Amino acid sequence: MTSEPRRAVSPLAEAELETLEEGREWMRQRLEKKLQRLADRQGAISPPQPPAVAGGQESAGDGANGGREGDGCGGVR
């Protein structure tokens, strides 16, 4: 196993990398808070539940043929 020689990082480059990392974390937290405020303002985002059908009948799209008209043969007999 060969190990690559490590390059010496200057103190200025090290400070720059550290500052950039801190900035990324600050922006991530800021974005998270902003998105949470928007989500709280918008409320529930789940689609509404379909209304219950009286009499226990299936609604369109719930049948055995997946909501297709006819017998599922594509109209060809």
PDB file of N, CA and C in Angstrom:
ATOM      1  N   MET A   1       0.848  -1.175   0.000  1.00  0.00           N
ATOM      2  CA  MET A   1       0.000   0.000   0.000  1.00  0.00           C
ATOM      3  C   MET A   1       0.891   1.236   0.000  1.00  0.00           C
ATOM      4  N   THR A   2       0.676   2.105  -0.972  1.00  0.00           N
ATOM      5  CA  THR A   2       1.485   3.316  -1.057  1.00  0.00           C
ATOM      6  C   THR A   2       0.694   4.479  -0.483  1.00  0.00           C
ATOM      7  N   SER A   3       1.348   5.277   0.281  1.00  0.00           N
ATOM      8  CA  SER A   3       0.687   6.462   0.818  1.00  0.00           C
ATOM      9  C   SER A   3       1.210   7.688   0.086  1.00  0.00           C
ATOM     10  N   GLU A   4       0.277   8.563  -0.236  1.00  0.00           N
ATOM     11  CA  GLU A   4       0.653   9.789  -0.937  1.00  0.00           C
ATOM     12  C   GLU A   4       1.197  10.782   0.069  1.00  0.00           C
ATOM     13  N   PRO A   5       2.197  11.532  -0.330  1.00  0.00           N
ATOM     14  CA  PRO A   5       2.716  12.555   0.591  1.00  0.00           C
ATOM     15  C   PRO A   5       1.653  13.631   0.805  1.00  0.00           C
ATOM     16  N   ARG A   6       1.511  14.045   2.045  1.00  0.00           N
ATOM     17  CA  ARG A   6       0.529  15.069   2.375  1.00  0.00           C
ATOM     18  C   ARG A   6       1.098  16.442   2.032  1.00  0.00           C
ATOM     19  N   ARG A   7       0.270  17.228   1.422  1.00  0.00           N
ATOM     20  CA  ARG A   7       0.681  18.601   1.116  1.00  0.00           C
ATOM     21  C   ARG A   7       0.457  19.461   2.350  1.00  0.00           C
ATOM     22  N   ALA A   8       1.377  20.320   2.583  1.00  0.00           N
ATOM     23  CA  ALA A   8       1.230  21.255   3.694  1.00  0.00           C
ATOM     24  C   ALA A   8       0.217  22.330   3.287  1.00  0.00           C
ATOM     25  N   VAL A   9      -0.733  22.583   4.159  1.00  0.00           N
ATOM     26  CA  VAL A   9      -1.747  23.592   3.893  1.00  0.00           C
ATOM     27  C   VAL A   9      -1.350  24.849   4.662  1.00  0.00           C
ATOM     28  N   SER A  10      -1.312  25.930   3.953  1.00  0.00           N
ATOM     29  CA  SER A  10      -0.921  27.177   4.610  1.00  0.00           C
ATOM     30  C   SER A  10      -1.996  27.591   5.609  1.00  0.00           C
ATOM     31  N   PRO A  11      -1.615  28.327   6.630  1.00  0.00           N
ATOM     32  CA  PRO A  11      -2.600  28.795   7.615  1.00  0.00           C
ATOM     33  C   PRO A  11      -3.713  29.631   6.983  1.00  0.00           C
ATOM     34  N   LEU A  12      -3.366  30.385   5.941  1.00  0.00           N
ATOM     35  CA  LEU A  12      -4.395  31.189   5.277  1.00  0.00           C
ATOM     36  C   LEU A  12      -5.397  30.295   4.544  1.00  0.00           C
ATOM     37  N   ALA A  13      -4.908  29.274   3.853  1.00  0.00           N
ATOM     38  CA  ALA A  13      -5.803  28.356   3.148  1.00  0.00           C
ATOM     39  C   ALA A  13      -6.660  27.591   4.148  1.00  0.00           C
ATOM     40  N   GLU A  14      -6.075  27.218   5.262  1.00  0.00           N
ATOM     41  CA  GLU A  14      -6.815  26.503   6.300  1.00  0.00           C
ATOM     42  C   GLU A  14      -7.927  27.386   6.872  1.00  0.00           C
ATOM     43  N   ALA A  15      -7.617  28.660   7.114  1.00  0.00           N
ATOM     44  CA  ALA A  15      -8.622  29.598   7.622  1.00  0.00           C
ATOM     45  C   ALA A  15      -9.735  29.798   6.597  1.00  0.00           C
ATOM     46  N   GLU A  16      -9.351  29.849   5.319  1.00  0.00           N
ATOM     47  CA  GLU A  16     -10.352  30.020   4.258  1.00  0.00           C
ATOM     48  C   GLU A  16     -11.286  28.815   4.210  1.00  0.00           C
ATOM     49  N   LEU A  17     -10.732  27.606   4.263  1.00  0.00           N
ATOM     50  CA  LEU A  17     -11.557  26.394   4.227  1.00  0.00           C
ATOM     51  C   LEU A  17     -12.500  26.330   5.427  1.00  0.00           C
ATOM     52  N   GLU A  18     -11.988  26.683   6.584  1.00  0.00           N
ATOM     53  CA  GLU A  18     -12.805  26.681   7.797  1.00  0.00           C
ATOM     54  C   GLU A  18     -13.947  27.688   7.689  1.00  0.00           C
ATOM     55  N   THR A  19     -13.649  28.867   7.169  1.00  0.00           N
ATOM     56  CA  THR A  19     -14.660  29.908   7.015  1.00  0.00           C
ATOM     57  C   THR A  19     -15.715  29.489   5.996  1.00  0.00           C
ATOM     58  N   LEU A  20     -15.290  28.876   4.900  1.00  0.00           N
ATOM     59  CA  LEU A  20     -16.248  28.407   3.900  1.00  0.00           C
ATOM     60  C   LEU A  20     -17.172  27.342   4.484  1.00  0.00           C
ATOM     61  N   GLU A  21     -16.623  26.434   5.275  1.00  0.00           N
ATOM     62  CA  GLU A  21     -17.434  25.395   5.911  1.00  0.00           C
ATOM     63  C   GLU A  21     -18.440  26.011   6.876  1.00  0.00           C
ATOM     64  N   GLU A  22     -18.007  26.979   7.664  1.00  0.00           N
ATOM     65  CA  GLU A  22     -18.924  27.667   8.586  1.00  0.00           C
ATOM     66  C   GLU A  22     -20.027  28.376   7.817  1.00  0.00           C
ATOM     67  N   GLY A  23     -19.669  28.985   6.707  1.00  0.00           N
ATOM     68  CA  GLY A  23     -20.661  29.676   5.885  1.00  0.00           C
ATOM     69  C   GLY A  23     -21.688  28.712   5.303  1.00  0.00           C
ATOM     70  N   ARG A  24     -21.226  27.546   4.846  1.00  0.00           N
ATOM     71  CA  ARG A  24     -22.158  26.541   4.313  1.00  0.00           C
ATOM     72  C   ARG A  24     -23.131  26.079   5.394  1.00  0.00           C
ATOM     73  N   GLU A  25     -22.617  25.847   6.589  1.00  0.00           N
ATOM     74  CA  GLU A  25     -23.483  25.409   7.689  1.00  0.00           C
ATOM     75  C   GLU A  25     -24.478  26.493   8.066  1.00  0.00           C
ATOM     76  N   TRP A  26     -24.035  27.744   8.094  1.00  0.00           N
ATOM     77  CA  TRP A  26     -24.927  28.863   8.406  1.00  0.00           C
ATOM     78  C   TRP A  26     -26.038  28.963   7.370  1.00  0.00           C
ATOM     79  N   MET A  27     -25.669  28.841   6.081  1.00  0.00           N
ATOM     80  CA  MET A  27     -26.668  28.908   5.012  1.00  0.00           C
ATOM     81  C   MET A  27     -27.632  27.722   5.091  1.00  0.00           C
ATOM     82  N   ARG A  28     -27.131  26.541   5.417  1.00  0.00           N
ATOM     83  CA  ARG A  28     -27.991  25.367   5.545  1.00  0.00           C
ATOM     84  C   ARG A  28     -29.029  25.583   6.646  1.00  0.00           C
ATOM     85  N   GLN A  29     -28.587  26.094   7.785  1.00  0.00           N
ATOM     86  CA  GLN A  29     -29.505  26.355   8.896  1.00  0.00           C
ATOM     87  C   GLN A  29     -30.520  27.432   8.521  1.00  0.00           C
ATOM     88  N   ARG A  30     -30.052  28.451   7.840  1.00  0.00           N
ATOM     89  CA  ARG A  30     -30.944  29.545   7.418  1.00  0.00           C
ATOM     90  C   ARG A  30     -32.011  29.022   6.461  1.00  0.00           C
ATOM     91  N   LEU A  31     -31.605  28.208   5.497  1.00  0.00           N
ATOM     92  CA  LEU A  31     -32.546  27.631   4.543  1.00  0.00           C
ATOM     93  C   LEU A  31     -33.535  26.713   5.248  1.00  0.00           C
ATOM     94  N   GLU A  32     -33.048  25.908   6.177  1.00  0.00           N
ATOM     95  CA  GLU A  32     -33.925  25.007   6.916  1.00  0.00           C
ATOM     96  C   GLU A  32     -35.004  25.784   7.662  1.00  0.00           C
ATOM     97  N   LYS A  33     -34.619  26.866   8.336  1.00  0.00           N
ATOM     98  CA  LYS A  33     -35.584  27.685   9.071  1.00  0.00           C
ATOM     99  C   LYS A  33     -36.589  28.342   8.129  1.00  0.00           C
ATOM    100  N   LYS A  34     -36.102  28.838   6.998  1.00  0.00           N
ATOM    101  CA  LYS A  34     -36.991  29.495   6.036  1.00  0.00           C
ATOM    102  C   LYS A  34     -38.003  28.503   5.471  1.00  0.00           C
ATOM    103  N   LEU A  35     -37.531  27.319   5.094  1.00  0.00           N
ATOM    104  CA  LEU A  35     -38.433  26.301   4.562  1.00  0.00           C
ATOM    105  C   LEU A  35     -39.441  25.847   5.608  1.00  0.00           C
ATOM    106  N   GLN A  36     -39.012  25.752   6.863  1.00  0.00           N
ATOM    107  CA  GLN A  36     -39.936  25.348   7.922  1.00  0.00           C
ATOM    108  C   GLN A  36     -41.009  26.405   8.124  1.00  0.00           C
ATOM    109  N   ARG A  37     -40.632  27.693   8.083  1.00  0.00           N
ATOM    110  CA  ARG A  37     -41.632  28.764   8.214  1.00  0.00           C
ATOM    111  C   ARG A  37     -42.645  28.689   7.083  1.00  0.00           C
ATOM    112  N   LEU A  38     -42.161  28.467   5.855  1.00  0.00           N
ATOM    113  CA  LEU A  38     -43.065  28.366   4.712  1.00  0.00           C
ATOM    114  C   LEU A  38     -43.986  27.154   4.832  1.00  0.00           C
ATOM    115  N   ALA A  39     -43.448  26.028   5.276  1.00  0.00           N
ATOM    116  CA  ALA A  39     -44.261  24.825   5.444  1.00  0.00           C
ATOM    117  C   ALA A  39     -45.311  25.034   6.536  1.00  0.00           C
ATOM    118  N   ASP A  40     -44.926  25.693   7.622  1.00  0.00           N
ATOM    119  CA  ASP A  40     -45.883  25.961   8.699  1.00  0.00           C
ATOM    120  C   ASP A  40     -46.992  26.883   8.218  1.00  0.00           C
ATOM    121  N   ARG A  41     -46.639  27.859   7.405  1.00  0.00           N
ATOM    122  CA  ARG A  41     -47.618  28.808   6.885  1.00  0.00           C
ATOM    123  C   ARG A  41     -48.577  28.121   5.919  1.00  0.00           C
ATOM    124  N   GLN A  42     -48.052  27.204   5.100  1.00  0.00           N
ATOM    125  CA  GLN A  42     -48.869  26.532   4.092  1.00  0.00           C
ATOM    126  C   GLN A  42     -49.815  25.516   4.718  1.00  0.00           C
ATOM    127  N   GLY A  43     -49.405  24.895   5.785  1.00  0.00           N
ATOM    128  CA  GLY A  43     -50.244  23.884   6.412  1.00  0.00           C
ATOM    129  C   GLY A  43     -50.030  22.523   5.785  1.00  0.00           C
ATOM    130  N   ALA A  44     -51.020  21.663   5.964  1.00  0.00           N
ATOM    131  CA  ALA A  44     -50.920  20.282   5.481  1.00  0.00           C
ATOM    132  C   ALA A  44     -50.791  20.266   3.962  1.00  0.00           C
ATOM    133  N   ILE A  45     -49.903  19.416   3.467  1.00  0.00           N
ATOM    134  CA  ILE A  45     -49.700  19.353   2.023  1.00  0.00           C
ATOM    135  C   ILE A  45     -50.160  18.029   1.433  1.00  0.00           C
ATOM    136  N   SER A  46     -50.648  17.128   2.272  1.00  0.00           N
ATOM    137  CA  SER A  46     -51.121  15.848   1.772  1.00  0.00           C
ATOM    138  C   SER A  46     -52.379  16.060   0.937  1.00  0.00           C
ATOM    139  N   PRO A  47     -52.568  15.253  -0.098  1.00  0.00           N
ATOM    140  CA  PRO A  47     -53.793  15.405  -0.891  1.00  0.00           C
ATOM    141  C   PRO A  47     -55.000  15.045  -0.034  1.00  0.00           C
ATOM    142  N   PRO A  48     -56.123  15.702  -0.274  1.00  0.00           N
ATOM    143  CA  PRO A  48     -57.313  15.405   0.522  1.00  0.00           C
ATOM    144  C   PRO A  48     -57.800  13.980   0.248  1.00  0.00           C
ATOM    145  N   GLN A  49     -58.413  13.382   1.247  1.00  0.00           N
ATOM    146  CA  GLN A  49     -58.958  12.043   1.100  1.00  0.00           C
ATOM    147  C   GLN A  49     -60.229  12.112   0.258  1.00  0.00           C
ATOM    148  N   PRO A  50     -60.468  11.118  -0.602  1.00  0.00           N
ATOM    149  CA  PRO A  50     -61.692  11.124  -1.401  1.00  0.00           C
ATOM    150  C   PRO A  50     -62.903  10.977  -0.488  1.00  0.00           C
ATOM    151  N   PRO A  51     -64.019  11.586  -0.858  1.00  0.00           N
ATOM    152  CA  PRO A  51     -65.216  11.481  -0.023  1.00  0.00           C
ATOM    153  C   PRO A  51     -65.717  10.039   0.006  1.00  0.00           C
ATOM    154  N   ALA A  52     -66.318   9.666   1.117  1.00  0.00           N
ATOM    155  CA  ALA A  52     -66.871   8.320   1.246  1.00  0.00           C
ATOM    156  C   ALA A  52     -68.074   8.195   0.329  1.00  0.00           C
ATOM    157  N   VAL A  53     -68.216   7.029  -0.308  1.00  0.00           N
ATOM    158  CA  VAL A  53     -69.320   6.788  -1.221  1.00  0.00           C
ATOM    159  C   VAL A  53     -70.444   6.127  -0.439  1.00  0.00           C
ATOM    160  N   ALA A  54     -71.667   6.679  -0.558  1.00  0.00           N
ATOM    161  CA  ALA A  54     -72.825   6.136   0.140  1.00  0.00           C
ATOM    162  C   ALA A  54     -73.217   4.793  -0.463  1.00  0.00           C
ATOM    163  N   GLY A  55     -73.658   3.870   0.371  1.00  0.00           N
ATOM    164  CA  GLY A  55     -74.149   2.593  -0.113  1.00  0.00           C
ATOM    165  C   GLY A  55     -73.058   1.578  -0.369  1.00  0.00           C
ATOM    166  N   GLY A  56     -71.804   1.873  -0.055  1.00  0.00           N
ATOM    167  CA  GLY A  56     -70.727   0.914  -0.221  1.00  0.00           C
ATOM    168  C   GLY A  56     -70.333   0.656  -1.656  1.00  0.00           C
ATOM    169  N   GLN A  57     -70.766   1.489  -2.591  1.00  0.00           N
ATOM    170  CA  GLN A  57     -70.395   1.299  -3.988  1.00  0.00           C
ATOM    171  C   GLN A  57     -68.975   1.779  -4.204  1.00  0.00           C
ATOM    172  N   GLU A  58     -68.295   1.170  -5.170  1.00  0.00           N
ATOM    173  CA  GLU A  58     -66.934   1.580  -5.492  1.00  0.00           C
ATOM    174  C   GLU A  58     -66.984   2.872  -6.298  1.00  0.00           C
ATOM    175  N   SER A  59     -66.029   3.740  -6.040  1.00  0.00           N
ATOM    176  CA  SER A  59     -65.941   4.952  -6.831  1.00  0.00           C
ATOM    177  C   SER A  59     -65.096   4.675  -8.065  1.00  0.00           C
ATOM    178  N   ALA A  60     -65.119   5.568  -9.027  1.00  0.00           N
ATOM    179  CA  ALA A  60     -64.357   5.388 -10.270  1.00  0.00           C
ATOM    180  C   ALA A  60     -62.886   5.226  -9.938  1.00  0.00           C
ATOM    181  N   GLY A  61     -62.257   4.241 -10.552  1.00  0.00           N
ATOM    182  CA  GLY A  61     -60.839   4.021 -10.330  1.00  0.00           C
ATOM    183  C   GLY A  61     -60.545   3.019  -9.234  1.00  0.00           C
ATOM    184  N   ASP A  62     -61.572   2.576  -8.503  1.00  0.00           N
ATOM    185  CA  ASP A  62     -61.350   1.619  -7.428  1.00  0.00           C
ATOM    186  C   ASP A  62     -61.754   0.208  -7.805  1.00  0.00           C
ATOM    187  N   GLY A  63     -62.276   0.021  -8.998  1.00  0.00           N
ATOM    188  CA  GLY A  63     -62.761  -1.291  -9.404  1.00  0.00           C
ATOM    189  C   GLY A  63     -61.632  -2.253  -9.706  1.00  0.00           C
ATOM    190  N   ALA A  64     -62.011  -3.485 -10.007  1.00  0.00           N
ATOM    191  CA  ALA A  64     -61.031  -4.532 -10.268  1.00  0.00           C
ATOM    192  C   ALA A  64     -60.219  -4.259 -11.527  1.00  0.00           C
ATOM    193  N   ASN A  65     -60.773  -3.491 -12.451  1.00  0.00           N
ATOM    194  CA  ASN A  65     -60.052  -3.220 -13.696  1.00  0.00           C
ATOM    195  C   ASN A  65     -59.277  -1.907 -13.638  1.00  0.00           C
ATOM    196  N   GLY A  66     -59.051  -1.377 -12.468  1.00  0.00           N
ATOM    197  CA  GLY A  66     -58.227  -0.190 -12.308  1.00  0.00           C
ATOM    198  C   GLY A  66     -58.848   1.081 -12.849  1.00  0.00           C
ATOM    199  N   GLY A  67     -60.168   1.139 -12.917  1.00  0.00           N
ATOM    200  CA  GLY A  67     -60.840   2.352 -13.366  1.00  0.00           C
ATOM    201  C   GLY A  67     -61.030   2.436 -14.862  1.00  0.00           C
ATOM    202  N   ARG A  68     -60.671   1.375 -15.581  1.00  0.00           N
ATOM    203  CA  ARG A  68     -60.867   1.376 -17.030  1.00  0.00           C
ATOM    204  C   ARG A  68     -62.308   1.040 -17.343  1.00  0.00           C
ATOM    205  N   GLU A  69     -62.817   1.573 -18.403  1.00  0.00           N
ATOM    206  CA  GLU A  69     -64.177   1.261 -18.854  1.00  0.00           C
ATOM    207  C   GLU A  69     -64.216  -0.128 -19.450  1.00  0.00           C
ATOM    208  N   GLY A  70     -65.333  -0.784 -19.370  1.00  0.00           N
ATOM    209  CA  GLY A  70     -65.512  -2.075 -20.013  1.00  0.00           C
ATOM    210  C   GLY A  70     -64.872  -3.202 -19.226  1.00  0.00           C
ATOM    211  N   ASP A  71     -64.460  -4.239 -19.935  1.00  0.00           N
ATOM    212  CA  ASP A  71     -63.945  -5.433 -19.271  1.00  0.00           C
ATOM    213  C   ASP A  71     -62.415  -5.483 -19.213  1.00  0.00           C
ATOM    214  N   GLY A  72     -61.750  -4.431 -19.607  1.00  0.00           N
ATOM    215  CA  GLY A  72     -60.302  -4.401 -19.509  1.00  0.00           C
ATOM    216  C   GLY A  72     -59.600  -4.952 -20.728  1.00  0.00           C
ATOM    217  N   CYS A  73     -60.356  -5.222 -21.802  1.00  0.00           N
ATOM    218  CA  CYS A  73     -59.748  -5.771 -23.009  1.00  0.00           C
ATOM    219  C   CYS A  73     -59.353  -4.678 -23.996  1.00  0.00           C
ATOM    220  N   GLY A  74     -59.449  -3.452 -23.594  1.00  0.00           N
ATOM    221  CA  GLY A  74     -59.090  -2.364 -24.490  1.00  0.00           C
ATOM    222  C   GLY A  74     -60.113  -2.125 -25.577  1.00  0.00           C
ATOM    223  N   GLY A  75     -61.334  -2.597 -25.382  1.00  0.00           N
ATOM    224  CA  GLY A  75     -62.391  -2.360 -26.357  1.00  0.00           C
ATOM    225  C   GLY A  75     -62.388  -3.356 -27.492  1.00  0.00           C
ATOM    226  N   VAL A  76     -61.477  -4.309 -27.483  1.00  0.00           N
ATOM    227  CA  VAL A  76     -61.409  -5.303 -28.540  1.00  0.00           C
ATOM    228  C   VAL A  76     -61.999  -6.593 -28.017  1.00  0.00           C
ATOM    229  N   ARG A  77     -62.936  -7.182 -28.798  1.00  0.00           N
ATOM    230  CA  ARG A  77     -63.541  -8.466 -28.399  1.00  0.00           C
ATOM    231  C   ARG A  77     -63.284  -9.490 -29.433  1.00  0.00           C
TER     232      ARG A  77
END
